[in-house]
Every structure is written in C-alpha cells, then in structure tokens.
Amino acid sequence: MILEALGSVLLGLALSWAALRRLADRLPARRVVYPAGTLGALFGAYLTHTALGSGHLPGTLLGAVLVAAVTLSLLIRPGPRRLRRSAAA
C-alpha cells in the first residue's frame, strides 16, 4: 500500500510537470497544478485499490494516472480564439 501511494504521488507530480511544460499558458499557477495532480493521483490509487484489491500494483498505478489526468484536464482554460464572421453578416 505504501508503494502504491508513493508511486501514485510520483506519477501525479510527473504528470503535473509534463502538463505545465506543454500547456503553461492555459493552466493556472504551479501552486495549484502540482497539488491537483498529486491529489488526483492519490484519489485514483485509492479508488482503483478499492475496486481491484491488493496485489494489483500496475492496475492501481494506471488508475492513479488516469484520474490525475482527468483532474488536470479540468484545470485547462480555453485558448484564445479569433472571432469569425460569416460573409452574410
């Protein structure tokens, strides 16, 4: 259980770092992104561990990464868009 928690924290931090590197202009401050990724991964590990039971380390870590990715995707703001006007208007 300790290995699952530690692994999920490290994966959540790595996913947060990758999201900040790729989408820095569309995410809020780092002090929001890192805890959101970490807590999302911990919750995902807990949820997956509860569903699968003990002894399924790869499945638990996969669930942690998926929930962390969903949590981080909720933080993404829309990018700048240009207004297009139709020719008829």
Protein backbone atom coordinates (compact mmCIF):
# COMPACT_ATOMS: atom_id res chain seq x y z
CA MET A 1 0.00 0.00 0.00
CA ILE A 2 2.87 2.37 0.77
CA LEU A 3 4.46 1.58 -2.60
CA GLU A 4 1.17 2.32 -4.37
CA ALA A 5 0.79 5.65 -2.57
CA LEU A 6 4.39 6.70 -3.20
CA GLY A 7 4.23 5.62 -6.83
CA SER A 8 0.98 7.46 -7.41
CA VAL A 9 2.38 10.65 -5.85
CA LEU A 10 5.43 10.48 -8.09
CA LEU A 11 3.29 9.81 -11.16
CA GLY A 12 0.97 12.68 -10.25
CA LEU A 13 3.92 15.04 -9.89
CA ALA A 14 5.40 13.87 -13.19
CA LEU A 15 2.08 14.32 -14.97
CA SER A 16 1.69 17.80 -13.47
CA TRP A 17 5.19 18.73 -14.58
CA ALA A 18 4.51 17.48 -18.11
CA ALA A 19 1.23 19.39 -18.26
CA LEU A 20 2.94 22.58 -17.13
CA ARG A 21 5.68 22.14 -19.72
CA ARG A 22 3.19 21.57 -22.52
CA LEU A 23 0.29 23.84 -21.55
CA ALA A 24 1.81 26.51 -19.31
CA ASP A 25 -0.18 29.33 -20.89
CA ARG A 26 -3.53 27.57 -20.41
CA LEU A 27 -3.08 26.33 -16.83
CA PRO A 28 -3.33 28.26 -13.55
CA ALA A 29 -0.36 28.83 -11.24
CA ARG A 30 2.03 26.00 -10.41
CA ARG A 31 0.94 26.05 -6.77
CA VAL A 32 -2.47 24.88 -7.97
CA VAL A 33 -1.40 22.40 -10.66
CA TYR A 34 1.07 20.32 -8.62
CA PRO A 35 -1.30 19.64 -5.69
CA ALA A 36 -4.20 18.94 -8.06
CA GLY A 37 -2.19 16.33 -9.97
CA THR A 38 -0.86 14.77 -6.79
CA LEU A 39 -4.22 14.60 -5.03
CA GLY A 40 -5.90 13.33 -8.18
CA ALA A 41 -3.35 10.53 -8.42
CA LEU A 42 -3.75 9.64 -4.75
CA PHE A 43 -7.53 9.53 -5.10
CA GLY A 44 -7.20 7.45 -8.27
CA ALA A 45 -4.90 5.00 -6.49
CA TYR A 46 -7.32 4.74 -3.58
CA LEU A 47 -10.29 4.25 -5.88
CA THR A 48 -8.55 1.63 -8.01
CA HIS A 49 -7.09 -0.16 -5.00
CA THR A 50 -10.58 -0.36 -3.50
CA ALA A 51 -12.03 -1.72 -6.73
CA LEU A 52 -9.28 -4.22 -7.58
CA GLY A 53 -7.97 -5.15 -4.15
CA SER A 54 -4.39 -5.58 -3.09
CA GLY A 55 -1.78 -7.16 -5.32
CA HIS A 56 -2.59 -5.21 -8.48
CA LEU A 57 0.17 -2.59 -8.49
CA PRO A 58 0.20 -1.88 -12.27
CA GLY A 59 -3.58 -1.55 -12.39
CA THR A 60 -3.61 0.71 -9.36
CA LEU A 61 -0.94 2.98 -10.83
CA LEU A 62 -2.78 3.09 -14.15
CA GLY A 63 -5.94 4.17 -12.35
CA ALA A 64 -3.93 6.82 -10.50
CA VAL A 65 -2.58 8.24 -13.75
CA LEU A 66 -6.00 8.27 -15.39
CA VAL A 67 -7.69 10.10 -12.52
CA ALA A 68 -4.79 12.57 -12.26
CA ALA A 69 -5.06 13.29 -15.99
CA VAL A 70 -8.79 13.93 -15.66
CA THR A 71 -8.19 16.20 -12.67
CA LEU A 72 -5.58 18.19 -14.55
CA SER A 73 -7.75 18.43 -17.63
CA LEU A 74 -10.38 20.19 -15.54
CA LEU A 75 -7.89 22.99 -14.87
CA ILE A 76 -7.22 23.79 -18.55
CA ARG A 77 -8.62 27.12 -19.70
CA PRO A 78 -9.76 27.66 -23.28
CA GLY A 79 -7.18 29.06 -25.66
CA PRO A 80 -7.50 32.37 -27.43
CA ARG A 81 -9.85 32.25 -30.36
CA ARG A 82 -10.48 34.68 -33.12
CA LEU A 83 -13.99 35.72 -33.83
CA ARG A 84 -15.05 34.74 -37.30
CA ARG A 85 -17.86 36.45 -39.01
CA SER A 86 -19.72 34.90 -41.82
CA ALA A 87 -19.89 36.64 -45.18
CA ALA A 88 -23.65 37.03 -44.84
CA ALA A 89 -23.42 39.06 -41.64
